[in-house]
C-alpha atoms as a PDB file:
ATOM      1  CA  UNK A   1      -0.002   0.066  -0.123  1.00  0.00           C
ATOM      2  CA  UNK A   2       1.452   3.294  -1.167  1.00  0.00           C
ATOM      3  CA  UNK A   3       1.646   6.087   2.029  1.00  0.00           C
ATOM      4  CA  UNK A   4      -1.676   7.568   0.551  1.00  0.00           C
ATOM      5  CA  UNK A   5      -3.819   4.981   1.211  1.00  0.00           C
ATOM      6  CA  UNK A   6      -2.438   3.769   4.317  1.00  0.00           C
ATOM      7  CA  UNK A   7      -3.439   7.409   5.656  1.00  0.00           C
ATOM      8  CA  UNK A   8      -6.639   7.477   3.837  1.00  0.00           C
ATOM      9  CA  UNK A   9      -6.962   3.835   5.441  1.00  0.00           C
ATOM     10  CA  UNK A  10      -6.132   5.130   8.908  1.00  0.00           C
ATOM     11  CA  UNK A  11      -8.778   7.720   8.942  1.00  0.00           C
ATOM     12  CA  UNK A  12     -11.376   5.931   7.037  1.00  0.00           C
ATOM     13  CA  UNK A  13     -11.185   3.262  10.397  1.00  0.00           C
ATOM     14  CA  UNK A  14     -10.396   6.704  12.648  1.00  0.00           C
ATOM     15  CA  UNK A  15     -13.630   8.057  11.610  1.00  0.00           C
ATOM     16  CA  UNK A  16     -15.298   4.790  11.839  1.00  0.00           C
ATOM     17  CA  UNK A  17     -14.759   3.572  14.733  1.00  0.00           C
ATOM     18  CA  UNK A  18     -15.606   7.134  16.668  1.00  0.00           C
ATOM     19  CA  UNK A  19     -18.777   7.563  14.806  1.00  0.00           C
ATOM     20  CA  UNK A  20     -19.957   4.186  15.530  1.00  0.00           C
ATOM     21  CA  UNK A  21     -19.003   4.479  20.048  1.00  0.00           C
ATOM     22  CA  UNK A  22     -21.250   6.841  19.261  1.00  0.00           C
ATOM     23  CA  UNK A  23     -24.156   4.917  17.913  1.00  0.00           C
ATOM     24  CA  UNK A  24     -23.199   2.049  20.558  1.00  0.00           C
ATOM     25  CA  UNK A  25     -23.404   4.454  23.631  1.00  0.00           C
ATOM     26  CA  UNK A  26     -27.054   5.189  22.797  1.00  0.00           C
ATOM     27  CA  UNK A  27     -27.627   1.705  22.278  1.00  0.00           C
ATOM     28  CA  UNK A  28     -26.916   0.805  25.484  1.00  0.00           C
ATOM     29  CA  UNK A  29     -28.214   3.759  27.091  1.00  0.00           C
ATOM     30  CA  UNK A  30     -31.710   2.779  25.627  1.00  0.00           C
ATOM     31  CA  UNK A  31     -30.988  -0.763  26.790  1.00  0.00           C
ATOM     32  CA  UNK A  32     -29.856   0.155  30.141  1.00  0.00           C
ATOM     33  CA  UNK A  33     -33.565   2.372  30.088  1.00  0.00           C
ATOM     34  CA  UNK A  34     -35.497  -0.630  29.679  1.00  0.00           C
ATOM     35  CA  UNK A  35     -33.266  -2.986  32.440  1.00  0.00           C
ATOM     36  CA  UNK A  36     -34.336   0.033  35.105  1.00  0.00           C
ATOM     37  CA  UNK A  37     -36.745   2.499  34.127  1.00  0.00           C
ATOM     38  CA  UNK A  38     -39.692  -0.018  31.931  1.00  0.00           C
ATOM     39  CA  UNK A  39     -39.272  -4.010  32.318  1.00  0.00           C
ATOM     40  CA  UNK A  40     -36.522  -4.950  33.457  1.00  0.00           C
ATOM     41  CA  UNK A  41     -35.018  -7.003  30.546  1.00  0.00           C
ATOM     42  CA  UNK A  42     -31.403  -7.346  30.999  1.00  0.00           C
ATOM     43  CA  UNK A  43     -30.779  -9.374  27.297  1.00  0.00           C
ATOM     44  CA  UNK A  44     -30.565  -5.679  24.811  1.00  0.00           C
ATOM     45  CA  UNK A  45     -27.647  -4.550  28.148  1.00  0.00           C
ATOM     46  CA  UNK A  46     -26.057  -8.029  27.319  1.00  0.00           C
ATOM     47  CA  UNK A  47     -25.856  -7.375  23.707  1.00  0.00           C
ATOM     48  CA  UNK A  48     -25.470  -3.476  23.587  1.00  0.00           C
ATOM     49  CA  UNK A  49     -22.605  -4.204  26.025  1.00  0.00           C
ATOM     50  CA  UNK A  50     -20.653  -6.571  23.916  1.00  0.00           C
ATOM     51  CA  UNK A  51     -21.001  -5.035  21.843  1.00  0.00           C
ATOM     52  CA  UNK A  52     -20.098  -0.885  22.716  1.00  0.00           C
ATOM     53  CA  UNK A  53     -17.125  -2.803  24.228  1.00  0.00           C
ATOM     54  CA  UNK A  54     -15.522  -4.516  21.123  1.00  0.00           C
ATOM     55  CA  UNK A  55     -15.883  -1.157  19.544  1.00  0.00           C
ATOM     56  CA  UNK A  56     -14.058   0.823  22.402  1.00  0.00           C
ATOM     57  CA  UNK A  57     -11.076  -1.202  22.334  1.00  0.00           C
ATOM     58  CA  UNK A  58     -11.046  -0.694  18.531  1.00  0.00           C
ATOM     59  CA  UNK A  59     -11.190   3.060  19.495  1.00  0.00           C
ATOM     60  CA  UNK A  60      -8.598   3.278  21.043  1.00  0.00           C
ATOM     61  CA  UNK A  61      -6.439   1.158  18.697  1.00  0.00           C
ATOM     62  CA  UNK A  62      -7.615   3.680  16.391  1.00  0.00           C
ATOM     63  CA  UNK A  63      -6.245   6.886  18.549  1.00  0.00           C
ATOM     64  CA  UNK A  64      -3.392   5.322  18.731  1.00  0.00           C
ATOM     65  CA  UNK A  65      -2.585   4.623  15.210  1.00  0.00           C
ATOM     66  CA  UNK A  66      -3.742   7.838  14.309  1.00  0.00           C
ATOM     67  CA  UNK A  67      -1.856   9.606  16.603  1.00  0.00           C
ATOM     68  CA  UNK A  68       1.118   7.504  15.554  1.00  0.00           C
ATOM     69  CA  UNK A  69       0.610   8.052  11.685  1.00  0.00           C
ATOM     70  CA  UNK A  70      -0.059  11.145  11.676  1.00  0.00           C
ATOM     71  CA  UNK A  71       2.600  12.441  14.132  1.00  0.00           C
ATOM     72  CA  UNK A  72      -0.095  14.455  16.506  1.00  0.00           C
ATOM     73  CA  UNK A  73       1.330  15.736  19.798  1.00  0.00           C
ATOM     74  CA  UNK A  74       2.395  13.873  23.103  1.00  0.00           C
ATOM     75  CA  UNK A  75      -0.637  15.495  24.341  1.00  0.00           C
ATOM     76  CA  UNK A  76      -3.374  14.213  22.161  1.00  0.00           C
ATOM     77  CA  UNK A  77      -3.695  10.989  22.001  1.00  0.00           C
ATOM     78  CA  UNK A  78      -4.335  10.663  26.683  1.00  0.00           C
ATOM     79  CA  UNK A  79      -6.801  13.355  25.032  1.00  0.00           C
ATOM     80  CA  UNK A  80      -8.457  11.509  23.382  1.00  0.00           C
ATOM     81  CA  UNK A  81      -8.675   8.536  24.843  1.00  0.00           C
ATOM     82  CA  UNK A  82      -9.776   9.817  27.777  1.00  0.00           C
ATOM     83  CA  UNK A  83     -12.834  11.394  26.089  1.00  0.00           C
ATOM     84  CA  UNK A  84     -13.682   8.056  24.852  1.00  0.00           C
ATOM     85  CA  UNK A  85     -14.002   7.242  28.470  1.00  0.00           C
ATOM     86  CA  UNK A  86     -17.211   9.564  28.714  1.00  0.00           C
ATOM     87  CA  UNK A  87     -20.071   8.709  26.958  1.00  0.00           C
ATOM     88  CA  UNK A  88     -20.795  10.715  23.002  1.00  0.00           C
ATOM     89  CA  UNK A  89     -17.509  12.839  23.437  1.00  0.00           C
ATOM     90  CA  UNK A  90     -15.600  10.294  20.780  1.00  0.00           C
ATOM     91  CA  UNK A  91     -17.930  12.478  18.202  1.00  0.00           C
ATOM     92  CA  UNK A  92     -16.640  16.409  19.254  1.00  0.00           C
ATOM     93  CA  UNK A  93     -13.104  14.560  18.979  1.00  0.00           C
ATOM     94  CA  UNK A  94     -13.170  13.400  15.459  1.00  0.00           C
ATOM     95  CA  UNK A  95     -14.874  16.667  14.464  1.00  0.00           C
ATOM     96  CA  UNK A  96     -12.045  18.194  16.439  1.00  0.00           C
ATOM     97  CA  UNK A  97      -9.716  16.272  14.489  1.00  0.00           C
ATOM     98  CA  UNK A  98     -10.722  16.836  11.166  1.00  0.00           C
ATOM     99  CA  UNK A  99     -11.629  20.663  11.696  1.00  0.00           C
ATOM    100  CA  UNK A 100      -8.214  20.583  12.854  1.00  0.00           C
ATOM    101  CA  UNK A 101      -6.629  19.395  10.014  1.00  0.00           C
ATOM    102  CA  UNK A 102      -4.965  16.472  12.451  1.00  0.00           C
ATOM    103  CA  UNK A 103      -6.278  13.900  10.223  1.00  0.00           C
ATOM    104  CA  UNK A 104      -3.124  14.289   7.512  1.00  0.00           C
ATOM    105  CA  UNK A 105       0.190  13.545   7.504  1.00  0.00           C
ATOM    106  CA  UNK A 106       1.873  17.634   7.128  1.00  0.00           C
ATOM    107  CA  UNK A 107       4.622  18.634   4.453  1.00  0.00           C
ATOM    108  CA  UNK A 108       6.764  17.481   2.275  1.00  0.00           C
ATOM    109  CA  UNK A 109       7.156  13.096   3.293  1.00  0.00           C
ATOM    110  CA  UNK A 110       2.814  13.798   2.935  1.00  0.00           C
ATOM    111  CA  UNK A 111       3.150  13.913  -0.743  1.00  0.00           C
ATOM    112  CA  UNK A 112       6.114  11.838  -1.531  1.00  0.00           C
ATOM    113  CA  UNK A 113       8.458  14.835  -2.177  1.00  0.00           C
ATOM    114  CA  UNK A 114      12.188  13.953  -0.680  1.00  0.00           C
ATOM    115  CA  UNK A 115      12.343  14.942   3.116  1.00  0.00           C
ATOM    116  CA  UNK A 116      15.896  16.723   3.988  1.00  0.00           C
ATOM    117  CA  UNK A 117      17.742  13.536   4.737  1.00  0.00           C
ATOM    118  CA  UNK A 118      16.590  12.183   1.334  1.00  0.00           C
ATOM    119  CA  UNK A 119      19.444  11.852  -1.076  1.00  0.00           C
ATOM    120  CA  UNK A 120      19.037  13.686  -3.914  1.00  0.00           C
ATOM    121  CA  UNK A 121      19.265  11.329  -7.399  1.00  0.00           C
ATOM    122  CA  UNK A 122      20.194  12.990 -10.405  1.00  0.00           C
ATOM    123  CA  UNK A 123      17.727  13.103 -13.886  1.00  0.00           C
ATOM    124  CA  UNK A 124      19.453  11.359 -16.153  1.00  0.00           C
ATOM    125  CA  UNK A 125      17.365  12.944 -19.014  1.00  0.00           C
ATOM    126  CA  UNK A 126      17.987  16.042 -18.487  1.00  0.00           C
ATOM    127  CA  UNK A 127      20.903  15.949 -16.931  1.00  0.00           C
ATOM    128  CA  UNK A 128      19.899  18.091 -13.654  1.00  0.00           C
ATOM    129  CA  UNK A 129      19.254  17.008 -10.070  1.00  0.00           C
ATOM    130  CA  UNK A 130      15.116  16.698  -8.769  1.00  0.00           C
ATOM    131  CA  UNK A 131      15.493  18.234  -6.572  1.00  0.00           C
ATOM    132  CA  UNK A 132      13.348  21.298  -7.084  1.00  0.00           C
ATOM    133  CA  UNK A 133      15.134  23.818  -4.637  1.00  0.00           C
ATOM    134  CA  UNK A 134      17.389  26.702  -5.555  1.00  0.00           C
ATOM    135  CA  UNK A 135      21.253  26.065  -4.871  1.00  0.00           C
END
């Protein structure tokens, strides 16, 4: 996979899991309402509890993957993990990351251009270096 495809996959996984976590919270709260307020039905809590637990583990993985892949500041991943514990705060966290443009890699490495450490390769067809910066 090319870097842009990996970035897209991590971004999609991040957005999908954080949205799904909010939906499963809603389902769990409805199931809790049925259990404690309506008729004592516990099956919904069992089902949505398991689903929500698995999705929450995926959210933790998605936050850590995005933090590493998109090189977030060191404080940002713990904020995201803390927001994943409280009900429905994964949605504002995802919106914040999207609006702050933290779901993509920044700089020349995101475009596939050589970094400062990469050697400049001579273009044999044109007879000059491929580095676009002036000497």
